[in-house]
Amino acid sequence: MNPKLRDVAEHAGVSVRTVSNVVNGFRYVAPATRERVQASIDALGYRPNMAARTLRRGRTGLVALVVPEIDSPYFAELAARTVRIAGRRGLTVLIDQTDGDAERETELLHGRRSQLVDGVLFSPWAVAPAELAARTDTVPLVLLGEHDGPAGVDHVAIDNIAAAREATGHLLATGRRRIAAVGIQPR
């Protein structure tokens, strides 16, 4: 049976509120009291009830990263950096792969799992801007990449024209004269 706050309070000889303050990082707890409560937490193996915490706070501490392919170097690096940055903010990242499939992207765009997350970082390949504009889910959405989005949707992208100009300028400055761009844009 999982120990409750009251079990920890009883074990430490403090109030339930004091245990709650320690668990939630409230800074106005005397160091000796904090140590005693922490020792009781460790001894009893207490773990906060995440479902109750989610209900109380109205937040899950989870964000979704939806990408077309996790095995490409670009999206793998994006996922790794997203996880690191989210971790510094106390968030956990759920990663979903769409394979660039329009049906899957649409399903995730319209909130099939929205009750599970506090926000969605979304890099679509197949879903059209009109579909993005028709979204009714209220979970915050940030578009990633080159896909055009509707007004009012946050969007993080690079200026590909400026980036190409800068890369070409660099190659020209180093004496290169035969320059080509090679790649695909699956759409």
Protein backbone atom coordinates (compact mmCIF):
# COMPACT_ATOMS: atom_id res chain seq x y z
CA MET A 1 0.00 0.00 0.00
CA ASN A 2 1.32 3.43 -0.94
CA PRO A 3 1.96 5.75 2.00
CA LYS A 4 -0.11 8.95 2.12
CA LEU A 5 0.83 12.45 3.28
CA ARG A 6 -0.78 11.76 6.65
CA ASP A 7 1.43 8.66 7.08
CA VAL A 8 4.54 10.76 6.46
CA ALA A 9 3.24 13.48 8.82
CA GLU A 10 2.64 10.95 11.57
CA HIS A 11 6.06 9.35 11.06
CA ALA A 12 7.83 12.76 11.12
CA GLY A 13 5.70 14.20 13.93
CA VAL A 14 4.51 17.17 11.88
CA SER A 15 1.28 18.33 10.27
CA VAL A 16 0.08 17.15 6.86
CA ARG A 17 0.45 20.76 5.68
CA THR A 18 4.15 20.75 6.63
CA VAL A 19 4.70 17.54 4.64
CA SER A 20 2.87 19.11 1.69
CA ASN A 21 5.09 22.19 1.95
CA VAL A 22 8.23 20.03 1.84
CA VAL A 23 6.95 17.90 -1.07
CA ASN A 24 6.03 21.02 -3.06
CA GLY A 25 9.31 22.83 -2.36
CA PHE A 26 7.82 25.61 -0.24
CA ARG A 27 10.87 27.49 1.00
CA TYR A 28 9.56 28.61 4.40
CA VAL A 29 10.14 25.31 6.19
CA ALA A 30 12.85 25.18 8.86
CA PRO A 31 15.87 23.20 7.65
CA ALA A 32 15.68 20.72 10.58
CA THR A 33 11.97 20.13 9.91
CA ARG A 34 12.60 19.71 6.17
CA GLU A 35 15.30 17.12 6.92
CA ARG A 36 13.03 15.21 9.31
CA VAL A 37 10.17 15.18 6.79
CA GLN A 38 12.49 14.16 3.96
CA ALA A 39 13.87 11.32 6.10
CA SER A 40 10.30 10.10 6.69
CA ILE A 41 9.47 10.40 2.97
CA ASP A 42 12.53 8.29 2.18
CA ALA A 43 11.89 5.76 4.95
CA LEU A 44 8.26 5.20 3.94
CA GLY A 45 8.86 5.39 0.19
CA TYR A 46 6.26 8.13 -0.26
CA ARG A 47 5.62 9.29 -3.83
CA PRO A 48 3.18 12.08 -4.71
CA ASN A 49 -0.04 10.99 -6.40
CA MET A 50 0.44 12.49 -9.86
CA ALA A 51 -3.23 12.12 -10.82
CA ALA A 52 -4.28 14.13 -7.76
CA ARG A 53 -1.58 16.72 -8.42
CA THR A 54 -2.76 17.07 -12.03
CA LEU A 55 -6.35 17.59 -10.91
CA ARG A 56 -5.36 20.15 -8.30
CA ARG A 57 -3.06 22.16 -10.55
CA GLY A 58 -5.01 21.74 -13.78
CA ARG A 59 -1.73 20.89 -15.53
CA THR A 60 -0.10 17.59 -16.40
CA GLY A 61 3.54 18.66 -16.73
CA LEU A 62 3.57 16.92 -20.13
CA VAL A 63 4.10 18.41 -23.57
CA ALA A 64 3.81 16.57 -26.87
CA LEU A 65 6.32 16.74 -29.69
CA VAL A 66 4.73 15.53 -32.93
CA VAL A 67 7.19 14.98 -35.77
CA PRO A 68 7.07 13.17 -39.13
CA GLU A 69 10.12 10.98 -38.49
CA ILE A 70 12.12 10.51 -35.34
CA ASP A 71 14.94 8.61 -37.05
CA SER A 72 16.16 11.49 -39.22
CA PRO A 73 19.09 13.43 -37.74
CA TYR A 74 17.17 16.73 -37.77
CA PHE A 75 14.16 15.43 -35.83
CA ALA A 76 16.30 13.30 -33.52
CA GLU A 77 18.31 16.39 -32.54
CA LEU A 78 15.12 18.44 -32.22
CA ALA A 79 13.67 15.80 -29.89
CA ALA A 80 16.85 15.59 -27.79
CA ARG A 81 17.03 19.35 -27.33
CA THR A 82 13.31 19.62 -26.61
CA VAL A 83 13.60 16.94 -23.90
CA ARG A 84 16.60 18.70 -22.30
CA ILE A 85 14.96 22.13 -22.27
CA ALA A 86 11.63 20.76 -21.05
CA GLY A 87 13.42 18.83 -18.30
CA ARG A 88 15.01 22.04 -17.01
CA ARG A 89 11.49 23.42 -16.65
CA GLY A 90 10.15 20.33 -14.90
CA LEU A 91 8.26 19.08 -17.95
CA THR A 92 8.19 15.68 -19.61
CA VAL A 93 8.01 15.33 -23.39
CA LEU A 94 5.85 12.72 -25.11
CA ILE A 95 7.07 12.11 -28.65
CA ASP A 96 4.78 10.94 -31.44
CA GLN A 97 5.74 10.09 -35.02
CA THR A 98 3.32 10.67 -37.88
CA ASP A 99 5.38 9.37 -40.82
CA GLY A 100 4.03 12.41 -42.67
CA ASP A 101 0.64 10.66 -42.89
CA ALA A 102 -2.18 13.20 -43.31
CA GLU A 103 -4.72 11.11 -41.41
CA ARG A 104 -2.38 10.64 -38.44
CA GLU A 105 -1.39 14.32 -38.42
CA THR A 106 -5.06 15.34 -38.49
CA GLU A 107 -5.90 12.94 -35.67
CA LEU A 108 -3.16 14.38 -33.47
CA LEU A 109 -3.91 17.97 -34.51
CA HIS A 110 -7.51 17.73 -33.36
CA GLY A 111 -6.60 16.66 -29.87
CA ARG A 112 -6.97 12.91 -29.65
CA ARG A 113 -4.62 13.08 -26.68
CA SER A 114 -5.07 16.71 -25.71
CA GLN A 115 -6.34 15.93 -22.22
CA LEU A 116 -2.95 14.35 -21.54
CA VAL A 117 -0.73 17.32 -22.38
CA ASP A 118 -0.33 21.00 -21.58
CA GLY A 119 0.88 21.91 -25.07
CA VAL A 120 1.84 20.53 -28.47
CA LEU A 121 4.92 21.21 -30.59
CA PHE A 122 3.88 20.11 -34.07
CA SER A 123 5.93 19.68 -37.24
CA PRO A 124 3.44 18.75 -39.96
CA TRP A 125 4.26 17.54 -43.46
CA ALA A 126 0.91 16.51 -44.86
CA VAL A 127 -1.81 18.52 -43.13
CA ALA A 128 -2.92 21.61 -45.06
CA PRO A 129 -3.01 25.15 -43.66
CA ALA A 130 -6.84 25.08 -43.91
CA GLU A 131 -6.87 22.05 -41.61
CA LEU A 132 -4.65 23.90 -39.15
CA ALA A 133 -7.05 26.86 -39.25
CA ALA A 134 -10.02 24.54 -38.58
CA ARG A 135 -8.48 23.22 -35.35
CA THR A 136 -10.89 23.52 -32.40
CA ASP A 137 -8.75 21.94 -29.69
CA THR A 138 -7.79 24.52 -27.05
CA VAL A 139 -4.46 23.01 -26.02
CA PRO A 140 -1.68 25.47 -26.96
CA LEU A 141 -0.07 24.60 -30.29
CA VAL A 142 3.28 25.73 -31.72
CA LEU A 143 4.08 24.86 -35.33
CA LEU A 144 7.67 23.93 -36.14
CA GLY A 145 9.32 24.10 -39.53
CA GLU A 146 8.48 25.42 -42.93
CA HIS A 147 4.80 24.54 -43.07
CA ASP A 148 2.63 27.63 -43.41
CA GLY A 149 0.20 28.14 -40.58
CA PRO A 150 -2.86 30.28 -40.06
CA ALA A 151 -2.73 33.66 -38.37
CA GLY A 152 -2.80 33.44 -34.61
CA VAL A 153 -0.89 30.13 -34.40
CA ASP A 154 2.60 30.41 -32.94
CA HIS A 155 5.20 29.26 -35.45
CA VAL A 156 8.93 28.65 -35.15
CA ALA A 157 10.84 28.49 -38.42
CA ILE A 158 14.01 29.64 -40.05
CA ASP A 159 14.22 32.01 -42.96
CA ASN A 160 15.31 29.51 -45.61
CA ILE A 161 16.04 32.21 -48.19
CA ALA A 162 18.35 34.09 -45.81
CA ALA A 163 19.98 30.81 -44.69
CA ALA A 164 20.59 29.77 -48.32
CA ARG A 165 21.97 33.23 -49.13
CA GLU A 166 24.34 33.07 -46.13
CA ALA A 167 25.50 29.52 -46.94
CA THR A 168 26.06 30.42 -50.60
CA GLY A 169 27.91 33.59 -49.61
CA HIS A 170 30.17 31.57 -47.34
CA LEU A 171 30.96 29.08 -50.12
CA LEU A 172 31.66 31.92 -52.58
CA ALA A 173 33.90 33.64 -50.02
CA THR A 174 35.97 30.45 -49.70
CA GLY A 175 36.50 30.33 -53.47
CA ARG A 176 33.81 27.85 -54.45
CA ARG A 177 32.19 28.54 -57.81
CA ARG A 178 30.12 25.39 -58.58
CA ILE A 179 27.41 25.32 -55.93
CA ALA A 180 24.31 23.13 -55.89
CA ALA A 181 21.43 22.55 -53.45
CA VAL A 182 20.40 18.91 -53.16
CA GLY A 183 17.43 17.66 -51.19
CA ILE A 184 13.77 16.78 -51.17
CA GLN A 185 10.70 18.36 -49.72
CA PRO A 186 8.14 15.56 -49.22
CA ARG A 187 4.76 17.22 -49.75
